Amino acid sequence: MKKISIKNYSKLIQQDEDFVHKLIKKDKVQVEKSDGKVKVLVDTHILKMLKSTMENLIEAELKLKELKKPKPMNKKAIDKKKKFLKSKTIIKKKVLKPKKKLLKKRSIKKT
């Protein structure tokens, strides 16, 4: 039996409580409480199973976090974006200026 702290496996227990409770009933997992800390005694082969499921959970969480984060752009892309935005603003300024009247009304002179 190996001692592991339950902190590392609290997420696993939240995810799969039934599995952990079954293990506790079969005396393959023992829980000890001492000075506010909870220790878990686990058989080594079960520990390997727990570790693999924990690793899968952690990998899934990391992938989710990566998907949620916007990907950082490389310098070339940032420069292109800045240039594009600058050109956009210049175009906008030009468009926003009031248009001069090119065609003036000409009065017809009588001769």
C-alpha atoms as a PDB file:
ATOM      1  CA  MET A   1       0.000   0.000   0.000  1.00  0.00           C
ATOM      2  CA  LYS A   2       1.246   3.440  -0.934  1.00  0.00           C
ATOM      3  CA  LYS A   3       0.281   6.669   0.785  1.00  0.00           C
ATOM      4  CA  ILE A   4      -0.926   9.489  -1.419  1.00  0.00           C
ATOM      5  CA  SER A   5      -2.534  12.758  -0.423  1.00  0.00           C
ATOM      6  CA  ILE A   6      -6.135  13.146  -1.482  1.00  0.00           C
ATOM      7  CA  LYS A   7      -5.470  16.676  -2.811  1.00  0.00           C
ATOM      8  CA  ASN A   8      -4.046  15.219  -6.009  1.00  0.00           C
ATOM      9  CA  TYR A   9      -7.031  12.955  -6.475  1.00  0.00           C
ATOM     10  CA  SER A  10      -9.854  15.192  -5.270  1.00  0.00           C
ATOM     11  CA  LYS A  11     -10.837  15.932  -8.877  1.00  0.00           C
ATOM     12  CA  LEU A  12     -10.881  12.241  -9.649  1.00  0.00           C
ATOM     13  CA  ILE A  13     -13.122  11.601  -6.670  1.00  0.00           C
ATOM     14  CA  GLN A  14     -15.446  14.396  -7.809  1.00  0.00           C
ATOM     15  CA  GLN A  15     -15.560  12.917 -11.291  1.00  0.00           C
ATOM     16  CA  ASP A  16     -15.988   9.282 -10.336  1.00  0.00           C
ATOM     17  CA  GLU A  17     -17.235   8.986  -6.747  1.00  0.00           C
ATOM     18  CA  ASP A  18     -18.873   5.588  -7.281  1.00  0.00           C
ATOM     19  CA  PHE A  19     -15.590   4.045  -8.431  1.00  0.00           C
ATOM     20  CA  VAL A  20     -13.730   5.345  -5.367  1.00  0.00           C
ATOM     21  CA  HIS A  21     -16.515   4.239  -2.992  1.00  0.00           C
ATOM     22  CA  LYS A  22     -16.464   0.742  -4.493  1.00  0.00           C
ATOM     23  CA  LEU A  23     -12.729   0.593  -3.911  1.00  0.00           C
ATOM     24  CA  ILE A  24     -13.200   1.739  -0.308  1.00  0.00           C
ATOM     25  CA  LYS A  25     -15.866  -0.960   0.271  1.00  0.00           C
ATOM     26  CA  LYS A  26     -13.525  -3.645  -1.082  1.00  0.00           C
ATOM     27  CA  ASP A  27     -10.760  -2.429   1.299  1.00  0.00           C
ATOM     28  CA  LYS A  28      -8.494  -1.638  -1.622  1.00  0.00           C
ATOM     29  CA  VAL A  29      -8.460   2.016  -0.619  1.00  0.00           C
ATOM     30  CA  GLN A  30      -8.144   3.174   2.960  1.00  0.00           C
ATOM     31  CA  VAL A  31      -8.700   6.753   4.064  1.00  0.00           C
ATOM     32  CA  GLU A  32      -6.833   8.179   7.035  1.00  0.00           C
ATOM     33  CA  LYS A  33      -7.505  11.557   8.619  1.00  0.00           C
ATOM     34  CA  SER A  34      -4.794  13.164  10.716  1.00  0.00           C
ATOM     35  CA  ASP A  35      -4.294  16.803  11.786  1.00  0.00           C
ATOM     36  CA  GLY A  36      -6.654  18.161   9.163  1.00  0.00           C
ATOM     37  CA  LYS A  37      -4.930  16.279   6.329  1.00  0.00           C
ATOM     38  CA  VAL A  38      -6.538  13.383   4.549  1.00  0.00           C
ATOM     39  CA  LYS A  39      -4.310  10.541   3.422  1.00  0.00           C
ATOM     40  CA  VAL A  40      -5.358   7.699   1.174  1.00  0.00           C
ATOM     41  CA  LEU A  41      -3.768   4.255   1.165  1.00  0.00           C
ATOM     42  CA  VAL A  42      -4.012   2.608  -2.233  1.00  0.00           C
ATOM     43  CA  ASP A  43      -2.778  -0.642  -3.762  1.00  0.00           C
ATOM     44  CA  THR A  44      -0.077   0.029  -6.342  1.00  0.00           C
ATOM     45  CA  HIS A  45      -1.971  -1.439  -9.332  1.00  0.00           C
ATOM     46  CA  ILE A  46      -5.026   0.668  -8.432  1.00  0.00           C
ATOM     47  CA  LEU A  47      -2.737   3.653  -8.000  1.00  0.00           C
ATOM     48  CA  LYS A  48      -1.591   3.165 -11.596  1.00  0.00           C
ATOM     49  CA  MET A  49      -5.228   3.102 -12.734  1.00  0.00           C
ATOM     50  CA  LEU A  50      -6.001   6.219 -10.711  1.00  0.00           C
ATOM     51  CA  LYS A  51      -2.930   7.966 -12.117  1.00  0.00           C
ATOM     52  CA  SER A  52      -3.864   7.174 -15.701  1.00  0.00           C
ATOM     53  CA  THR A  53      -7.425   8.454 -15.231  1.00  0.00           C
ATOM     54  CA  MET A  54      -6.081  11.550 -13.462  1.00  0.00           C
ATOM     55  CA  GLU A  55      -3.619  12.178 -16.290  1.00  0.00           C
ATOM     56  CA  ASN A  56      -6.452  11.889 -18.798  1.00  0.00           C
ATOM     57  CA  LEU A  57      -8.540  14.348 -16.782  1.00  0.00           C
ATOM     58  CA  ILE A  58      -5.641  16.794 -16.521  1.00  0.00           C
ATOM     59  CA  GLU A  59      -4.898  16.515 -20.257  1.00  0.00           C
ATOM     60  CA  ALA A  60      -8.565  17.136 -21.070  1.00  0.00           C
ATOM     61  CA  GLU A  61      -8.598  20.201 -18.803  1.00  0.00           C
ATOM     62  CA  LEU A  62      -5.423  21.567 -20.398  1.00  0.00           C
ATOM     63  CA  LYS A  63      -6.879  21.082 -23.879  1.00  0.00           C
ATOM     64  CA  LEU A  64     -10.039  22.912 -22.829  1.00  0.00           C
ATOM     65  CA  LYS A  65      -7.980  25.796 -21.441  1.00  0.00           C
ATOM     66  CA  GLU A  66      -5.945  25.966 -24.656  1.00  0.00           C
ATOM     67  CA  LEU A  67      -9.109  26.041 -26.734  1.00  0.00           C
ATOM     68  CA  LYS A  68     -10.548  28.850 -24.635  1.00  0.00           C
ATOM     69  CA  LYS A  69      -7.376  30.992 -24.819  1.00  0.00           C
ATOM     70  CA  PRO A  70      -6.787  32.984 -27.982  1.00  0.00           C
ATOM     71  CA  LYS A  71      -3.660  31.718 -29.689  1.00  0.00           C
ATOM     72  CA  PRO A  72      -0.743  34.184 -29.508  1.00  0.00           C
ATOM     73  CA  MET A  73       0.224  35.540 -32.913  1.00  0.00           C
ATOM     74  CA  ASN A  74       3.772  35.540 -34.150  1.00  0.00           C
ATOM     75  CA  LYS A  75       5.578  38.843 -34.781  1.00  0.00           C
ATOM     76  CA  LYS A  76       4.988  38.868 -38.537  1.00  0.00           C
ATOM     77  CA  ALA A  77       1.267  38.450 -38.055  1.00  0.00           C
ATOM     78  CA  ILE A  78       1.213  41.203 -35.417  1.00  0.00           C
ATOM     79  CA  ASP A  79       3.127  43.568 -37.740  1.00  0.00           C
ATOM     80  CA  LYS A  80       0.748  42.802 -40.615  1.00  0.00           C
ATOM     81  CA  LYS A  81      -2.229  43.417 -38.375  1.00  0.00           C
ATOM     82  CA  LYS A  82      -0.788  46.759 -37.184  1.00  0.00           C
ATOM     83  CA  LYS A  83      -0.095  47.860 -40.751  1.00  0.00           C
ATOM     84  CA  PHE A  84      -3.573  46.816 -41.805  1.00  0.00           C
ATOM     85  CA  LEU A  85      -5.149  48.714 -38.908  1.00  0.00           C
ATOM     86  CA  LYS A  86      -3.062  51.820 -39.710  1.00  0.00           C
ATOM     87  CA  SER A  87      -4.110  51.711 -43.356  1.00  0.00           C
ATOM     88  CA  LYS A  88      -7.724  51.226 -42.284  1.00  0.00           C
ATOM     89  CA  THR A  89      -7.610  54.306 -40.054  1.00  0.00           C
ATOM     90  CA  ILE A  90      -6.088  56.424 -42.828  1.00  0.00           C
ATOM     91  CA  ILE A  91      -8.778  55.290 -45.249  1.00  0.00           C
ATOM     92  CA  LYS A  92     -11.427  56.036 -42.667  1.00  0.00           C
ATOM     93  CA  LYS A  93     -10.021  59.543 -42.138  1.00  0.00           C
ATOM     94  CA  LYS A  94     -10.068  60.181 -45.874  1.00  0.00           C
ATOM     95  CA  VAL A  95     -13.616  58.920 -46.162  1.00  0.00           C
ATOM     96  CA  LEU A  96     -14.815  60.918 -43.196  1.00  0.00           C
ATOM     97  CA  LYS A  97     -13.611  64.265 -44.607  1.00  0.00           C
ATOM     98  CA  PRO A  98     -16.457  66.296 -46.061  1.00  0.00           C
ATOM     99  CA  LYS A  99     -16.543  66.000 -49.841  1.00  0.00           C
ATOM    100  CA  LYS A 100     -15.797  69.148 -51.796  1.00  0.00           C
ATOM    101  CA  LYS A 101     -18.364  70.110 -54.333  1.00  0.00           C
ATOM    102  CA  LEU A 102     -16.732  69.547 -57.659  1.00  0.00           C
ATOM    103  CA  LEU A 103     -19.617  70.654 -59.759  1.00  0.00           C
ATOM    104  CA  LYS A 104     -20.498  74.268 -59.120  1.00  0.00           C
ATOM    105  CA  LYS A 105     -23.627  75.736 -60.495  1.00  0.00           C
ATOM    106  CA  ARG A 106     -22.708  77.968 -63.372  1.00  0.00           C
ATOM    107  CA  SER A 107     -24.925  80.763 -64.280  1.00  0.00           C
ATOM    108  CA  ILE A 108     -25.607  81.102 -67.947  1.00  0.00           C
ATOM    109  CA  LYS A 109     -24.565  84.572 -69.138  1.00  0.00           C
ATOM    110  CA  LYS A 110     -26.803  86.258 -71.653  1.00  0.00           C
ATOM    111  CA  THR A 111     -24.986  87.851 -74.517  1.00  0.00           C
END
